[in-house]
Each structure stands twice: as C-alpha cells, then as structure tokens.
Amino acid sequence: MSEQDQDQVFMRAMGERLALLLAAADIPDEVKESFVAMVPDMTPDQIAKLMQGLEARVGSGENEEVAQLKQAVEKVQEQHEAAVKASEDKAIGAMQKIEDLLKEEEA
C-alpha cells in the first residue's frame, strides 16, 4: 500500500470518527452543522482539537450507570432506615408496656 493510500485510509477513518463524535455529542444540531461546514477549511491540528472537544461532550454511559447505581443504593438505604425505625418503634412500644406493667405492680 502506497503512502498516499495509507493517508487516504487514515483520513477516511478520521472522517468516520469525526462523524460519529458529532452525531453522539451533546450539543445543539445547529452547532453540529456549523462544525460540519467548517471542517473542509480546517487544518489537521484544528480537526484534532475539535475531536478532543467533541469527545468531552460524548457521554460514556458510565455516568448513567453510576447514577442508576446511586439511586439503587439510596433506595436500599431508605428501606433499611425505614426497617430500623419500625424495629425501634416496636422495641420502644414493648419497653413502654413493660414499664407500665412494672408501675402497676408497684402500685
């Protein structure tokens, strides 16, 4: 494969990656369209910087997973706290009955 062929393959791969990044980036469509219009006039360094910026605007999915995990943990924590509160209330009620019985015995 000649050097020119290698350059074409590389540029095609960069173009496909740029297209994917633009499609997945969390930016308004008007901004995406502006970038597409500017790309033909950009230098390779400018395109590389654009791609880095777009990569930062693409969600990795990890944040979603972390948020879901956090929600699940919070739900379990709430359930645990409710169960502990119910147990405490039951124990306090039982202790109150014992106290009442002891007071009756003393009287």
PDB file of N, CA and C in Angstrom:
ATOM      1  N   MET A   1       0.858  -1.162   0.000  1.00  0.00           N
ATOM      2  CA  MET A   1       0.000   0.000   0.000  1.00  0.00           C
ATOM      3  C   MET A   1       0.907   1.228   0.000  1.00  0.00           C
ATOM      4  N   SER A   2       0.629   2.141  -0.888  1.00  0.00           N
ATOM      5  CA  SER A   2       1.457   3.337  -1.002  1.00  0.00           C
ATOM      6  C   SER A   2       1.161   4.296   0.145  1.00  0.00           C
ATOM      7  N   GLU A   3       2.033   5.266   0.298  1.00  0.00           N
ATOM      8  CA  GLU A   3       1.857   6.260   1.359  1.00  0.00           C
ATOM      9  C   GLU A   3       0.573   7.059   1.144  1.00  0.00           C
ATOM     10  N   GLN A   4       0.276   7.339  -0.112  1.00  0.00           N
ATOM     11  CA  GLN A   4      -0.944   8.079  -0.426  1.00  0.00           C
ATOM     12  C   GLN A   4      -2.190   7.252  -0.056  1.00  0.00           C
ATOM     13  N   ASP A   5      -2.146   5.968  -0.318  1.00  0.00           N
ATOM     14  CA  ASP A   5      -3.260   5.087   0.055  1.00  0.00           C
ATOM     15  C   ASP A   5      -3.423   5.035   1.582  1.00  0.00           C
ATOM     16  N   GLN A   6      -2.299   4.971   2.274  1.00  0.00           N
ATOM     17  CA  GLN A   6      -2.345   4.950   3.732  1.00  0.00           C
ATOM     18  C   GLN A   6      -2.947   6.256   4.265  1.00  0.00           C
ATOM     19  N   ASP A   7      -2.552   7.373   3.648  1.00  0.00           N
ATOM     20  CA  ASP A   7      -3.108   8.669   4.066  1.00  0.00           C
ATOM     21  C   ASP A   7      -4.617   8.707   3.841  1.00  0.00           C
ATOM     22  N   GLN A   8      -5.062   8.157   2.722  1.00  0.00           N
ATOM     23  CA  GLN A   8      -6.492   8.156   2.421  1.00  0.00           C
ATOM     24  C   GLN A   8      -7.256   7.290   3.428  1.00  0.00           C
ATOM     25  N   VAL A   9      -6.698   6.151   3.747  1.00  0.00           N
ATOM     26  CA  VAL A   9      -7.336   5.262   4.727  1.00  0.00           C
ATOM     27  C   VAL A   9      -7.408   5.962   6.083  1.00  0.00           C
ATOM     28  N   PHE A  10      -6.313   6.615   6.466  1.00  0.00           N
ATOM     29  CA  PHE A  10      -6.274   7.326   7.741  1.00  0.00           C
ATOM     30  C   PHE A  10      -7.295   8.460   7.757  1.00  0.00           C
ATOM     31  N   MET A  11      -7.348   9.243   6.690  1.00  0.00           N
ATOM     32  CA  MET A  11      -8.275  10.375   6.624  1.00  0.00           C
ATOM     33  C   MET A  11      -9.730   9.890   6.631  1.00  0.00           C
ATOM     34  N   ARG A  12      -9.994   8.789   5.946  1.00  0.00           N
ATOM     35  CA  ARG A  12     -11.346   8.231   5.947  1.00  0.00           C
ATOM     36  C   ARG A  12     -11.733   7.798   7.364  1.00  0.00           C
ATOM     37  N   ALA A  13     -10.809   7.148   8.053  1.00  0.00           N
ATOM     38  CA  ALA A  13     -11.080   6.712   9.426  1.00  0.00           C
ATOM     39  C   ALA A  13     -11.308   7.918  10.339  1.00  0.00           C
ATOM     40  N   MET A  14     -10.508   8.969  10.160  1.00  0.00           N
ATOM     41  CA  MET A  14     -10.686  10.190  10.958  1.00  0.00           C
ATOM     42  C   MET A  14     -12.043  10.818  10.653  1.00  0.00           C
ATOM     43  N   GLY A  15     -12.422  10.837   9.380  1.00  0.00           N
ATOM     44  CA  GLY A  15     -13.713  11.403   8.990  1.00  0.00           C
ATOM     45  C   GLY A  15     -14.868  10.634   9.597  1.00  0.00           C
ATOM     46  N   GLU A  16     -14.773   9.313   9.599  1.00  0.00           N
ATOM     47  CA  GLU A  16     -15.824   8.479  10.189  1.00  0.00           C
ATOM     48  C   GLU A  16     -15.909   8.703  11.700  1.00  0.00           C
ATOM     49  N   ARG A  17     -14.755   8.801  12.321  1.00  0.00           N
ATOM     50  CA  ARG A  17     -14.723   9.047  13.774  1.00  0.00           C
ATOM     51  C   ARG A  17     -15.317  10.420  14.084  1.00  0.00           C
ATOM     52  N   LEU A  18     -14.960  11.415  13.292  1.00  0.00           N
ATOM     53  CA  LEU A  18     -15.497  12.755  13.487  1.00  0.00           C
ATOM     54  C   LEU A  18     -17.012  12.753  13.319  1.00  0.00           C
ATOM     55  N   ALA A  19     -17.494  12.047  12.314  1.00  0.00           N
ATOM     56  CA  ALA A  19     -18.942  11.965  12.086  1.00  0.00           C
ATOM     57  C   ALA A  19     -19.643  11.310  13.278  1.00  0.00           C
ATOM     58  N   LEU A  20     -19.065  10.245  13.804  1.00  0.00           N
ATOM     59  CA  LEU A  20     -19.644   9.567  14.969  1.00  0.00           C
ATOM     60  C   LEU A  20     -19.637  10.472  16.200  1.00  0.00           C
ATOM     61  N   LEU A  21     -18.528  11.190  16.383  1.00  0.00           N
ATOM     62  CA  LEU A  21     -18.444  12.094  17.520  1.00  0.00           C
ATOM     63  C   LEU A  21     -19.473  13.209  17.409  1.00  0.00           C
ATOM     64  N   LEU A  22     -19.612  13.760  16.200  1.00  0.00           N
ATOM     65  CA  LEU A  22     -20.604  14.814  16.004  1.00  0.00           C
ATOM     66  C   LEU A  22     -22.018  14.289  16.273  1.00  0.00           C
ATOM     67  N   ALA A  23     -22.291  13.107  15.806  1.00  0.00           N
ATOM     68  CA  ALA A  23     -23.619  12.540  15.996  1.00  0.00           C
ATOM     69  C   ALA A  23     -23.915  12.280  17.472  1.00  0.00           C
ATOM     70  N   ALA A  24     -22.913  11.864  18.214  1.00  0.00           N
ATOM     71  CA  ALA A  24     -23.121  11.478  19.610  1.00  0.00           C
ATOM     72  C   ALA A  24     -22.937  12.625  20.601  1.00  0.00           C
ATOM     73  N   ALA A  25     -22.335  13.719  20.152  1.00  0.00           N
ATOM     74  CA  ALA A  25     -22.034  14.827  21.068  1.00  0.00           C
ATOM     75  C   ALA A  25     -23.311  15.469  21.595  1.00  0.00           C
ATOM     76  N   ASP A  26     -23.227  15.885  22.823  1.00  0.00           N
ATOM     77  CA  ASP A  26     -24.354  16.543  23.490  1.00  0.00           C
ATOM     78  C   ASP A  26     -24.279  18.050  23.218  1.00  0.00           C
ATOM     79  N   ILE A  27     -24.515  18.415  21.974  1.00  0.00           N
ATOM     80  CA  ILE A  27     -24.512  19.818  21.567  1.00  0.00           C
ATOM     81  C   ILE A  27     -25.680  20.028  20.599  1.00  0.00           C
ATOM     82  N   PRO A  28     -26.147  21.274  20.483  1.00  0.00           N
ATOM     83  CA  PRO A  28     -27.275  21.539  19.585  1.00  0.00           C
ATOM     84  C   PRO A  28     -26.952  21.202  18.123  1.00  0.00           C
ATOM     85  N   ASP A  29     -27.978  20.824  17.379  1.00  0.00           N
ATOM     86  CA  ASP A  29     -27.797  20.454  15.978  1.00  0.00           C
ATOM     87  C   ASP A  29     -27.216  21.596  15.147  1.00  0.00           C
ATOM     88  N   GLU A  30     -27.578  22.841  15.479  1.00  0.00           N
ATOM     89  CA  GLU A  30     -27.058  23.980  14.721  1.00  0.00           C
ATOM     90  C   GLU A  30     -25.534  24.071  14.856  1.00  0.00           C
ATOM     91  N   VAL A  31     -25.036  23.779  16.043  1.00  0.00           N
ATOM     92  CA  VAL A  31     -23.591  23.809  16.274  1.00  0.00           C
ATOM     93  C   VAL A  31     -22.921  22.682  15.496  1.00  0.00           C
ATOM     94  N   LYS A  32     -23.551  21.512  15.505  1.00  0.00           N
ATOM     95  CA  LYS A  32     -23.009  20.385  14.742  1.00  0.00           C
ATOM     96  C   LYS A  32     -22.913  20.741  13.265  1.00  0.00           C
ATOM     97  N   GLU A  33     -23.964  21.346  12.731  1.00  0.00           N
ATOM     98  CA  GLU A  33     -23.979  21.733  11.320  1.00  0.00           C
ATOM     99  C   GLU A  33     -22.890  22.757  11.023  1.00  0.00           C
ATOM    100  N   SER A  34     -22.653  23.668  11.952  1.00  0.00           N
ATOM    101  CA  SER A  34     -21.591  24.659  11.766  1.00  0.00           C
ATOM    102  C   SER A  34     -20.222  23.986  11.704  1.00  0.00           C
ATOM    103  N   PHE A  35     -20.004  23.031  12.587  1.00  0.00           N
ATOM    104  CA  PHE A  35     -18.728  22.306  12.559  1.00  0.00           C
ATOM    105  C   PHE A  35     -18.544  21.575  11.239  1.00  0.00           C
ATOM    106  N   VAL A  36     -19.598  20.924  10.776  1.00  0.00           N
ATOM    107  CA  VAL A  36     -19.523  20.193   9.503  1.00  0.00           C
ATOM    108  C   VAL A  36     -19.148  21.145   8.367  1.00  0.00           C
ATOM    109  N   ALA A  37     -19.721  22.334   8.380  1.00  0.00           N
ATOM    110  CA  ALA A  37     -19.429  23.314   7.328  1.00  0.00           C
ATOM    111  C   ALA A  37     -17.990  23.806   7.405  1.00  0.00           C
ATOM    112  N   MET A  38     -17.410  23.860   8.597  1.00  0.00           N
ATOM    113  CA  MET A  38     -16.042  24.382   8.762  1.00  0.00           C
ATOM    114  C   MET A  38     -14.958  23.339   8.505  1.00  0.00           C
ATOM    115  N   VAL A  39     -15.276  22.068   8.650  1.00  0.00           N
ATOM    116  CA  VAL A  39     -14.261  21.013   8.570  1.00  0.00           C
ATOM    117  C   VAL A  39     -13.422  21.073   7.287  1.00  0.00           C
ATOM    118  N   PRO A  40     -13.997  21.276   6.106  1.00  0.00           N
ATOM    119  CA  PRO A  40     -13.152  21.283   4.906  1.00  0.00           C
ATOM    120  C   PRO A  40     -12.062  22.356   4.917  1.00  0.00           C
ATOM    121  N   ASP A  41     -12.270  23.432   5.666  1.00  0.00           N
ATOM    122  CA  ASP A  41     -11.292  24.509   5.713  1.00  0.00           C
ATOM    123  C   ASP A  41     -10.357  24.415   6.914  1.00  0.00           C
ATOM    124  N   MET A  42     -10.519  23.399   7.720  1.00  0.00           N
ATOM    125  CA  MET A  42      -9.720  23.266   8.933  1.00  0.00           C
ATOM    126  C   MET A  42      -8.423  22.523   8.664  1.00  0.00           C
ATOM    127  N   THR A  43      -7.407  22.851   9.473  1.00  0.00           N
ATOM    128  CA  THR A  43      -6.130  22.132   9.396  1.00  0.00           C
ATOM    129  C   THR A  43      -6.268  20.831  10.181  1.00  0.00           C
ATOM    130  N   PRO A  44      -5.375  19.877   9.955  1.00  0.00           N
ATOM    131  CA  PRO A  44      -5.437  18.630  10.744  1.00  0.00           C
ATOM    132  C   PRO A  44      -5.359  18.883  12.252  1.00  0.00           C
ATOM    133  N   ASP A  45      -4.546  19.859  12.676  1.00  0.00           N
ATOM    134  CA  ASP A  45      -4.460  20.172  14.106  1.00  0.00           C
ATOM    135  C   ASP A  45      -5.793  20.698  14.631  1.00  0.00           C
ATOM    136  N   GLN A  46      -6.457  21.543  13.855  1.00  0.00           N
ATOM    137  CA  GLN A  46      -7.752  22.069  14.263  1.00  0.00           C
ATOM    138  C   GLN A  46      -8.786  20.947  14.349  1.00  0.00           C
ATOM    139  N   ILE A  47      -8.743  20.048  13.398  1.00  0.00           N
ATOM    140  CA  ILE A  47      -9.677  18.912  13.418  1.00  0.00           C
ATOM    141  C   ILE A  47      -9.416  18.037  14.645  1.00  0.00           C
ATOM    142  N   ALA A  48      -8.135  17.818  14.963  1.00  0.00           N
ATOM    143  CA  ALA A  48      -7.794  17.017  16.142  1.00  0.00           C
ATOM    144  C   ALA A  48      -8.322  17.686  17.414  1.00  0.00           C
ATOM    145  N   LYS A  49      -8.183  18.999  17.518  1.00  0.00           N
ATOM    146  CA  LYS A  49      -8.692  19.719  18.691  1.00  0.00           C
ATOM    147  C   LYS A  49     -10.216  19.656  18.749  1.00  0.00           C
ATOM    148  N   LEU A  50     -10.852  19.770  17.586  1.00  0.00           N
ATOM    149  CA  LEU A  50     -12.309  19.654  17.530  1.00  0.00           C
ATOM    150  C   LEU A  50     -12.740  18.278  18.027  1.00  0.00           C
ATOM    151  N   MET A  51     -12.040  17.257  17.590  1.00  0.00           N
ATOM    152  CA  MET A  51     -12.382  15.895  18.000  1.00  0.00           C
ATOM    153  C   MET A  51     -12.193  15.718  19.503  1.00  0.00           C
ATOM    154  N   GLN A  52     -11.141  16.314  20.060  1.00  0.00           N
ATOM    155  CA  GLN A  52     -10.942  16.227  21.512  1.00  0.00           C
ATOM    156  C   GLN A  52     -12.088  16.901  22.253  1.00  0.00           C
ATOM    157  N   GLY A  53     -12.499  18.059  21.745  1.00  0.00           N
ATOM    158  CA  GLY A  53     -13.616  18.756  22.369  1.00  0.00           C
ATOM    159  C   GLY A  53     -14.907  17.958  22.284  1.00  0.00           C
ATOM    160  N   LEU A  54     -15.126  17.326  21.141  1.00  0.00           N
ATOM    161  CA  LEU A  54     -16.336  16.523  20.975  1.00  0.00           C
ATOM    162  C   LEU A  54     -16.313  15.292  21.869  1.00  0.00           C
ATOM    163  N   GLU A  55     -15.143  14.688  22.019  1.00  0.00           N
ATOM    164  CA  GLU A  55     -15.022  13.516  22.888  1.00  0.00           C
ATOM    165  C   GLU A  55     -15.439  13.858  24.315  1.00  0.00           C
ATOM    166  N   ALA A  56     -15.137  15.084  24.738  1.00  0.00           N
ATOM    167  CA  ALA A  56     -15.521  15.510  26.081  1.00  0.00           C
ATOM    168  C   ALA A  56     -17.028  15.700  26.204  1.00  0.00           C
ATOM    169  N   ARG A  57     -17.711  15.903  25.079  1.00  0.00           N
ATOM    170  CA  ARG A  57     -19.151  16.140  25.083  1.00  0.00           C
ATOM    171  C   ARG A  57     -19.966  14.876  24.818  1.00  0.00           C
ATOM    172  N   VAL A  58     -19.282  13.759  24.687  1.00  0.00           N
ATOM    173  CA  VAL A  58     -19.970  12.493  24.430  1.00  0.00           C
ATOM    174  C   VAL A  58     -20.032  11.721  25.734  1.00  0.00           C
ATOM    175  N   GLY A  59     -21.240  11.351  26.133  1.00  0.00           N
ATOM    176  CA  GLY A  59     -21.405  10.558  27.350  1.00  0.00           C
ATOM    177  C   GLY A  59     -20.843   9.164  27.151  1.00  0.00           C
ATOM    178  N   SER A  60     -20.169   8.668  28.164  1.00  0.00           N
ATOM    179  CA  SER A  60     -19.568   7.343  28.042  1.00  0.00           C
ATOM    180  C   SER A  60     -20.512   6.236  28.465  1.00  0.00           C
ATOM    181  N   GLY A  61     -21.620   6.621  29.050  1.00  0.00           N
ATOM    182  CA  GLY A  61     -22.533   5.611  29.578  1.00  0.00           C
ATOM    183  C   GLY A  61     -22.215   5.280  31.019  1.00  0.00           C
ATOM    184  N   GLU A  62     -20.976   5.522  31.433  1.00  0.00           N
ATOM    185  CA  GLU A  62     -20.594   5.245  32.805  1.00  0.00           C
ATOM    186  C   GLU A  62     -21.371   6.142  33.763  1.00  0.00           C
ATOM    187  N   ASN A  63     -21.565   7.400  33.374  1.00  0.00           N
ATOM    188  CA  ASN A  63     -22.302   8.317  34.243  1.00  0.00           C
ATOM    189  C   ASN A  63     -23.715   7.814  34.487  1.00  0.00           C
ATOM    190  N   GLU A  64     -24.339   7.285  33.463  1.00  0.00           N
ATOM    191  CA  GLU A  64     -25.681   6.724  33.618  1.00  0.00           C
ATOM    192  C   GLU A  64     -25.660   5.545  34.574  1.00  0.00           C
ATOM    193  N   GLU A  65     -24.684   4.689  34.402  1.00  0.00           N
ATOM    194  CA  GLU A  65     -24.580   3.516  35.265  1.00  0.00           C
ATOM    195  C   GLU A  65     -24.333   3.935  36.710  1.00  0.00           C
ATOM    196  N   VAL A  66     -23.478   4.930  36.902  1.00  0.00           N
ATOM    197  CA  VAL A  66     -23.194   5.422  38.247  1.00  0.00           C
ATOM    198  C   VAL A  66     -24.455   6.017  38.859  1.00  0.00           C
ATOM    199  N   ALA A  67     -25.208   6.783  38.067  1.00  0.00           N
ATOM    200  CA  ALA A  67     -26.443   7.385  38.570  1.00  0.00           C
ATOM    201  C   ALA A  67     -27.458   6.308  38.951  1.00  0.00           C
ATOM    202  N   GLN A  68     -27.580   5.269  38.124  1.00  0.00           N
ATOM    203  CA  GLN A  68     -28.506   4.185  38.430  1.00  0.00           C
ATOM    204  C   GLN A  68     -28.081   3.436  39.687  1.00  0.00           C
ATOM    205  N   LEU A  69     -26.790   3.199  39.804  1.00  0.00           N
ATOM    206  CA  LEU A  69     -26.274   2.525  40.994  1.00  0.00           C
ATOM    207  C   LEU A  69     -26.518   3.379  42.237  1.00  0.00           C
ATOM    208  N   LYS A  70     -26.283   4.675  42.113  1.00  0.00           N
ATOM    209  CA  LYS A  70     -26.509   5.584  43.242  1.00  0.00           C
ATOM    210  C   LYS A  70     -27.976   5.555  43.665  1.00  0.00           C
ATOM    211  N   GLN A  71     -28.890   5.583  42.686  1.00  0.00           N
ATOM    212  CA  GLN A  71     -30.315   5.514  43.003  1.00  0.00           C
ATOM    213  C   GLN A  71     -30.658   4.211  43.719  1.00  0.00           C
ATOM    214  N   ALA A  72     -30.106   3.107  43.241  1.00  0.00           N
ATOM    215  CA  ALA A  72     -30.380   1.810  43.855  1.00  0.00           C
ATOM    216  C   ALA A  72     -29.870   1.777  45.289  1.00  0.00           C
ATOM    217  N   VAL A  73     -28.685   2.313  45.504  1.00  0.00           N
ATOM    218  CA  VAL A  73     -28.114   2.344  46.851  1.00  0.00           C
ATOM    219  C   VAL A  73     -28.963   3.227  47.761  1.00  0.00           C
ATOM    220  N   GLU A  74     -29.395   4.382  47.250  1.00  0.00           N
ATOM    221  CA  GLU A  74     -30.230   5.277  48.046  1.00  0.00           C
ATOM    222  C   GLU A  74     -31.559   4.609  48.414  1.00  0.00           C
ATOM    223  N   LYS A  75     -32.129   3.871  47.463  1.00  0.00           N
ATOM    224  CA  LYS A  75     -33.395   3.187  47.722  1.00  0.00           C
ATOM    225  C   LYS A  75     -33.211   2.124  48.813  1.00  0.00           C
ATOM    226  N   VAL A  76     -32.143   1.355  48.709  1.00  0.00           N
ATOM    227  CA  VAL A  76     -31.862   0.339  49.718  1.00  0.00           C
ATOM    228  C   VAL A  76     -31.621   1.001  51.070  1.00  0.00           C
ATOM    229  N   GLN A  77     -30.895   2.127  51.064  1.00  0.00           N
ATOM    230  CA  GLN A  77     -30.628   2.849  52.315  1.00  0.00           C
ATOM    231  C   GLN A  77     -31.934   3.329  52.954  1.00  0.00           C
ATOM    232  N   GLU A  78     -32.837   3.869  52.138  1.00  0.00           N
ATOM    233  CA  GLU A  78     -34.131   4.328  52.645  1.00  0.00           C
ATOM    234  C   GLU A  78     -34.936   3.166  53.229  1.00  0.00           C
ATOM    235  N   GLN A  79     -34.936   2.037  52.528  1.00  0.00           N
ATOM    236  CA  GLN A  79     -35.659   0.864  53.018  1.00  0.00           C
ATOM    237  C   GLN A  79     -35.062   0.377  54.339  1.00  0.00           C
ATOM    238  N   HIS A  80     -33.743   0.389  54.404  1.00  0.00           N
ATOM    239  CA  HIS A  80     -33.068  -0.040  55.632  1.00  0.00           C
ATOM    240  C   HIS A  80     -33.422   0.888  56.787  1.00  0.00           C
ATOM    241  N   GLU A  81     -33.357   2.191  56.531  1.00  0.00           N
ATOM    242  CA  GLU A  81     -33.681   3.160  57.579  1.00  0.00           C
ATOM    243  C   GLU A  81     -35.133   3.008  58.036  1.00  0.00           C
ATOM    244  N   ALA A  82     -36.040   2.758  57.106  1.00  0.00           N
ATOM    245  CA  ALA A  82     -37.449   2.553  57.468  1.00  0.00           C
ATOM    246  C   ALA A  82     -37.604   1.290  58.319  1.00  0.00           C
ATOM    247  N   ALA A  83     -36.893   0.228  57.966  1.00  0.00           N
ATOM    248  CA  ALA A  83     -36.964  -1.016  58.731  1.00  0.00           C
ATOM    249  C   ALA A  83     -36.382  -0.821  60.129  1.00  0.00           C
ATOM    250  N   VAL A  84     -35.279  -0.093  60.224  1.00  0.00           N
ATOM    251  CA  VAL A  84     -34.676   0.176  61.529  1.00  0.00           C
ATOM    252  C   VAL A  84     -35.634   1.001  62.380  1.00  0.00           C
ATOM    253  N   LYS A  85     -36.241   2.024  61.781  1.00  0.00           N
ATOM    254  CA  LYS A  85     -37.195   2.877  62.504  1.00  0.00           C
ATOM    255  C   LYS A  85     -38.377   2.044  63.003  1.00  0.00           C
ATOM    256  N   ALA A  86     -38.901   1.168  62.159  1.00  0.00           N
ATOM    257  CA  ALA A  86     -40.024   0.314  62.555  1.00  0.00           C
ATOM    258  C   ALA A  86     -39.613  -0.592  63.716  1.00  0.00           C
ATOM    259  N   SER A  87     -38.411  -1.147  63.655  1.00  0.00           N
ATOM    260  CA  SER A  87     -37.924  -2.010  64.743  1.00  0.00           C
ATOM    261  C   SER A  87     -37.750  -1.215  66.031  1.00  0.00           C
ATOM    262  N   GLU A  88     -37.221  -0.017  65.913  1.00  0.00           N
ATOM    263  CA  GLU A  88     -37.049   0.825  67.094  1.00  0.00           C
ATOM    264  C   GLU A  88     -38.402   1.159  67.711  1.00  0.00           C
ATOM    265  N   ASP A  89     -39.364   1.533  66.861  1.00  0.00           N
ATOM    266  CA  ASP A  89     -40.701   1.860  67.360  1.00  0.00           C
ATOM    267  C   ASP A  89     -41.325   0.660  68.069  1.00  0.00           C
ATOM    268  N   LYS A  90     -41.157  -0.507  67.495  1.00  0.00           N
ATOM    269  CA  LYS A  90     -41.710  -1.723  68.094  1.00  0.00           C
ATOM    270  C   LYS A  90     -41.033  -2.000  69.443  1.00  0.00           C
ATOM    271  N   ALA A  91     -39.713  -1.837  69.491  1.00  0.00           N
ATOM    272  CA  ALA A  91     -38.973  -2.081  70.731  1.00  0.00           C
ATOM    273  C   ALA A  91     -39.365  -1.070  71.805  1.00  0.00           C
ATOM    274  N   ILE A  92     -39.516   0.191  71.407  1.00  0.00           N
ATOM    275  CA  ILE A  92     -39.916   1.230  72.366  1.00  0.00           C
ATOM    276  C   ILE A  92     -41.323   0.932  72.887  1.00  0.00           C
ATOM    277  N   GLY A  93     -42.211   0.501  71.993  1.00  0.00           N
ATOM    278  CA  GLY A  93     -43.567   0.126  72.418  1.00  0.00           C
ATOM    279  C   GLY A  93     -43.549  -1.013  73.415  1.00  0.00           C
ATOM    280  N   ALA A  94     -42.717  -2.010  73.162  1.00  0.00           N
ATOM    281  CA  ALA A  94     -42.617  -3.156  74.072  1.00  0.00           C
ATOM    282  C   ALA A  94     -42.051  -2.720  75.409  1.00  0.00           C
ATOM    283  N   MET A  95     -41.052  -1.865  75.391  1.00  0.00           N
ATOM    284  CA  MET A  95     -40.459  -1.371  76.634  1.00  0.00           C
ATOM    285  C   MET A  95     -41.474  -0.540  77.422  1.00  0.00           C
ATOM    286  N   GLN A  96     -42.277   0.225  76.732  1.00  0.00           N
ATOM    287  CA  GLN A  96     -43.307   1.040  77.389  1.00  0.00           C
ATOM    288  C   GLN A  96     -44.324   0.140  78.090  1.00  0.00           C
ATOM    289  N   LYS A  97     -44.703  -0.962  77.436  1.00  0.00           N
ATOM    290  CA  LYS A  97     -45.642  -1.908  78.050  1.00  0.00           C
ATOM    291  C   LYS A  97     -45.048  -2.519  79.315  1.00  0.00           C
ATOM    292  N   ILE A  98     -43.761  -2.861  79.240  1.00  0.00           N
ATOM    293  CA  ILE A  98     -43.086  -3.442  80.409  1.00  0.00           C
ATOM    294  C   ILE A  98     -43.054  -2.421  81.541  1.00  0.00           C
ATOM    295  N   GLU A  99     -42.736  -1.173  81.187  1.00  0.00           N
ATOM    296  CA  GLU A  99     -42.714  -0.113  82.201  1.00  0.00           C
ATOM    297  C   GLU A  99     -44.082   0.055  82.855  1.00  0.00           C
ATOM    298  N   ASP A 100     -45.121   0.051  82.017  1.00  0.00           N
ATOM    299  CA  ASP A 100     -46.483   0.189  82.534  1.00  0.00           C
ATOM    300  C   ASP A 100     -46.829  -0.974  83.469  1.00  0.00           C
ATOM    301  N   LEU A 101     -46.445  -2.183  83.095  1.00  0.00           N
ATOM    302  CA  LEU A 101     -46.699  -3.344  83.939  1.00  0.00           C
ATOM    303  C   LEU A 101     -45.956  -3.225  85.270  1.00  0.00           C
ATOM    304  N   LEU A 102     -44.716  -2.764  85.221  1.00  0.00           N
ATOM    305  CA  LEU A 102     -43.932  -2.596  86.453  1.00  0.00           C
ATOM    306  C   LEU A 102     -44.551  -1.533  87.353  1.00  0.00           C
ATOM    307  N   LYS A 103     -45.045  -0.474  86.775  1.00  0.00           N
ATOM    308  CA  LYS A 103     -45.687   0.588  87.567  1.00  0.00           C
ATOM    309  C   LYS A 103     -46.959   0.069  88.214  1.00  0.00           C
ATOM    310  N   GLU A 104     -47.693  -0.767  87.495  1.00  0.00           N
ATOM    311  CA  GLU A 104     -48.922  -1.350  88.046  1.00  0.00           C
ATOM    312  C   GLU A 104     -48.606  -2.265  89.224  1.00  0.00           C
ATOM    313  N   GLU A 105     -47.506  -3.008  89.104  1.00  0.00           N
ATOM    314  CA  GLU A 105     -47.101  -3.933  90.167  1.00  0.00           C
ATOM    315  C   GLU A 105     -46.680  -3.148  91.411  1.00  0.00           C
ATOM    316  N   GLU A 106     -46.041  -2.018  91.224  1.00  0.00           N
ATOM    317  CA  GLU A 106     -45.580  -1.225  92.354  1.00  0.00           C
ATOM    318  C   GLU A 106     -46.749  -0.560  93.075  1.00  0.00           C
ATOM    319  N   ALA A 107     -47.798  -0.270  92.335  1.00  0.00           N
ATOM    320  CA  ALA A 107     -48.926   0.457  92.934  1.00  0.00           C
ATOM    321  C   ALA A 107     -49.805  -0.391  93.780  1.00  0.00           C
TER     322      ALA A 107
END
